[in-house]
Amino acid sequence: MILLDEDALSILIAALEDTQPLLAANLKDVQITNQTMLADLGITSVALYEISGYIEDKLDIVIATDQVASLRTIGDLAKMITSPA
């Protein structure tokens, strides 16, 4: 099991807390790894676009729409943060 990079995880948590506060509250005790499926966490496609918008604003990056649409795991999301299109 590969754990997420702490910086990427903190950005993801902040994005979830800001855009999806109820979902974030439910994930407090869940161990999240790179292999964790977004759908298993209850993250919808709409939520992904909100999260990516938050990340774009906070990190001053541009994330391609097709890149967001292809996200399936937390690892995919972390990779998007560390190497945006």
C-alpha atoms as a PDB file:
ATOM      1  CA  MET A   1       0.000   0.000   0.000  1.00  0.00           C
ATOM      2  CA  ILE A   2       1.495   3.341  -1.075  1.00  0.00           C
ATOM      3  CA  LEU A   3       0.436   6.327   0.986  1.00  0.00           C
ATOM      4  CA  LEU A   4      -0.057   9.722  -0.561  1.00  0.00           C
ATOM      5  CA  ASP A   5       2.577  12.413  -0.455  1.00  0.00           C
ATOM      6  CA  GLU A   6       1.713  14.587   2.567  1.00  0.00           C
ATOM      7  CA  ASP A   7       1.634  17.838   0.545  1.00  0.00           C
ATOM      8  CA  ALA A   8      -0.734  16.402  -2.046  1.00  0.00           C
ATOM      9  CA  LEU A   9      -2.897  14.910   0.690  1.00  0.00           C
ATOM     10  CA  SER A  10      -3.156  18.215   2.552  1.00  0.00           C
ATOM     11  CA  ILE A  11      -4.192  19.989  -0.658  1.00  0.00           C
ATOM     12  CA  LEU A  12      -6.796  17.310  -1.366  1.00  0.00           C
ATOM     13  CA  ILE A  13      -8.186  17.555   2.155  1.00  0.00           C
ATOM     14  CA  ALA A  14      -8.369  21.347   1.958  1.00  0.00           C
ATOM     15  CA  ALA A  15     -10.106  21.110  -1.427  1.00  0.00           C
ATOM     16  CA  LEU A  16     -12.630  18.622  -0.063  1.00  0.00           C
ATOM     17  CA  GLU A  17     -13.275  20.668   3.074  1.00  0.00           C
ATOM     18  CA  ASP A  18     -13.864  23.804   1.010  1.00  0.00           C
ATOM     19  CA  THR A  19     -15.919  22.319  -1.822  1.00  0.00           C
ATOM     20  CA  GLN A  20     -17.495  19.231  -0.215  1.00  0.00           C
ATOM     21  CA  PRO A  21     -17.634  19.827   3.568  1.00  0.00           C
ATOM     22  CA  LEU A  22     -20.121  17.038   4.351  1.00  0.00           C
ATOM     23  CA  LEU A  23     -18.138  14.520   2.358  1.00  0.00           C
ATOM     24  CA  ALA A  24     -14.893  15.667   3.991  1.00  0.00           C
ATOM     25  CA  ALA A  25     -16.394  15.217   7.453  1.00  0.00           C
ATOM     26  CA  ASN A  26     -17.317  11.618   6.612  1.00  0.00           C
ATOM     27  CA  LEU A  27     -13.755  10.838   5.503  1.00  0.00           C
ATOM     28  CA  LYS A  28     -11.973  11.883   8.715  1.00  0.00           C
ATOM     29  CA  ASP A  29     -11.326   8.298   9.856  1.00  0.00           C
ATOM     30  CA  VAL A  30     -10.795   6.741   6.413  1.00  0.00           C
ATOM     31  CA  GLN A  31      -7.279   5.712   5.406  1.00  0.00           C
ATOM     32  CA  ILE A  32      -6.699   7.079   1.940  1.00  0.00           C
ATOM     33  CA  THR A  33      -4.039   5.703  -0.392  1.00  0.00           C
ATOM     34  CA  ASN A  34      -3.136   6.298  -4.019  1.00  0.00           C
ATOM     35  CA  GLN A  35      -5.250   3.279  -4.980  1.00  0.00           C
ATOM     36  CA  THR A  36      -8.406   4.529  -3.243  1.00  0.00           C
ATOM     37  CA  MET A  37     -11.172   4.894  -5.826  1.00  0.00           C
ATOM     38  CA  LEU A  38     -12.815   8.317  -5.917  1.00  0.00           C
ATOM     39  CA  ALA A  39     -16.236   6.720  -6.359  1.00  0.00           C
ATOM     40  CA  ASP A  40     -15.680   4.627  -3.219  1.00  0.00           C
ATOM     41  CA  LEU A  41     -15.256   7.882  -1.291  1.00  0.00           C
ATOM     42  CA  GLY A  42     -18.447   9.316  -2.744  1.00  0.00           C
ATOM     43  CA  ILE A  43     -16.642  11.853  -4.934  1.00  0.00           C
ATOM     44  CA  THR A  44     -18.823  12.496  -7.974  1.00  0.00           C
ATOM     45  CA  SER A  45     -17.813  13.946 -11.324  1.00  0.00           C
ATOM     46  CA  VAL A  46     -19.394  17.259 -10.332  1.00  0.00           C
ATOM     47  CA  ALA A  47     -17.373  17.267  -7.113  1.00  0.00           C
ATOM     48  CA  LEU A  48     -14.205  16.570  -9.107  1.00  0.00           C
ATOM     49  CA  TYR A  49     -14.723  19.691 -11.187  1.00  0.00           C
ATOM     50  CA  GLU A  50     -15.292  21.733  -8.033  1.00  0.00           C
ATOM     51  CA  ILE A  51     -12.175  20.242  -6.455  1.00  0.00           C
ATOM     52  CA  SER A  52     -10.100  20.907  -9.579  1.00  0.00           C
ATOM     53  CA  GLY A  53     -11.331  24.519  -9.653  1.00  0.00           C
ATOM     54  CA  TYR A  54     -10.269  24.934  -6.024  1.00  0.00           C
ATOM     55  CA  ILE A  55      -6.850  23.455  -6.800  1.00  0.00           C
ATOM     56  CA  GLU A  56      -6.434  25.707  -9.845  1.00  0.00           C
ATOM     57  CA  ASP A  57      -7.190  28.779  -7.740  1.00  0.00           C
ATOM     58  CA  LYS A  58      -4.978  27.801  -4.797  1.00  0.00           C
ATOM     59  CA  LEU A  59      -1.971  26.633  -6.804  1.00  0.00           C
ATOM     60  CA  ASP A  60      -2.358  29.064  -9.730  1.00  0.00           C
ATOM     61  CA  ILE A  61      -2.329  26.246 -12.282  1.00  0.00           C
ATOM     62  CA  VAL A  62      -4.545  25.234 -15.193  1.00  0.00           C
ATOM     63  CA  ILE A  63      -6.051  21.752 -15.251  1.00  0.00           C
ATOM     64  CA  ALA A  64      -7.436  20.468 -18.548  1.00  0.00           C
ATOM     65  CA  THR A  65     -11.084  19.407 -18.549  1.00  0.00           C
ATOM     66  CA  ASP A  66     -10.253  16.072 -20.168  1.00  0.00           C
ATOM     67  CA  GLN A  67      -7.697  15.429 -17.421  1.00  0.00           C
ATOM     68  CA  VAL A  68     -10.385  15.875 -14.747  1.00  0.00           C
ATOM     69  CA  ALA A  69     -12.763  13.579 -16.640  1.00  0.00           C
ATOM     70  CA  SER A  70     -10.177  10.771 -16.648  1.00  0.00           C
ATOM     71  CA  LEU A  71      -9.585  10.757 -12.871  1.00  0.00           C
ATOM     72  CA  ARG A  72     -10.466   7.462 -11.167  1.00  0.00           C
ATOM     73  CA  THR A  73      -8.291   7.202  -8.043  1.00  0.00           C
ATOM     74  CA  ILE A  74      -6.838   9.444  -5.360  1.00  0.00           C
ATOM     75  CA  GLY A  75      -3.452   8.758  -6.955  1.00  0.00           C
ATOM     76  CA  ASP A  76      -4.758  10.175 -10.250  1.00  0.00           C
ATOM     77  CA  LEU A  77      -5.934  13.265  -8.388  1.00  0.00           C
ATOM     78  CA  ALA A  78      -2.597  13.648  -6.580  1.00  0.00           C
ATOM     79  CA  LYS A  79      -0.747  13.314  -9.889  1.00  0.00           C
ATOM     80  CA  MET A  80      -2.951  16.050 -11.337  1.00  0.00           C
ATOM     81  CA  ILE A  81      -1.853  18.323  -8.499  1.00  0.00           C
ATOM     82  CA  THR A  82       1.848  17.623  -8.917  1.00  0.00           C
ATOM     83  CA  SER A  83       1.936  17.671 -12.730  1.00  0.00           C
ATOM     84  CA  PRO A  84      -1.032  19.578 -14.239  1.00  0.00           C
ATOM     85  CA  ALA A  85      -1.533  19.659 -18.004  1.00  0.00           C
END
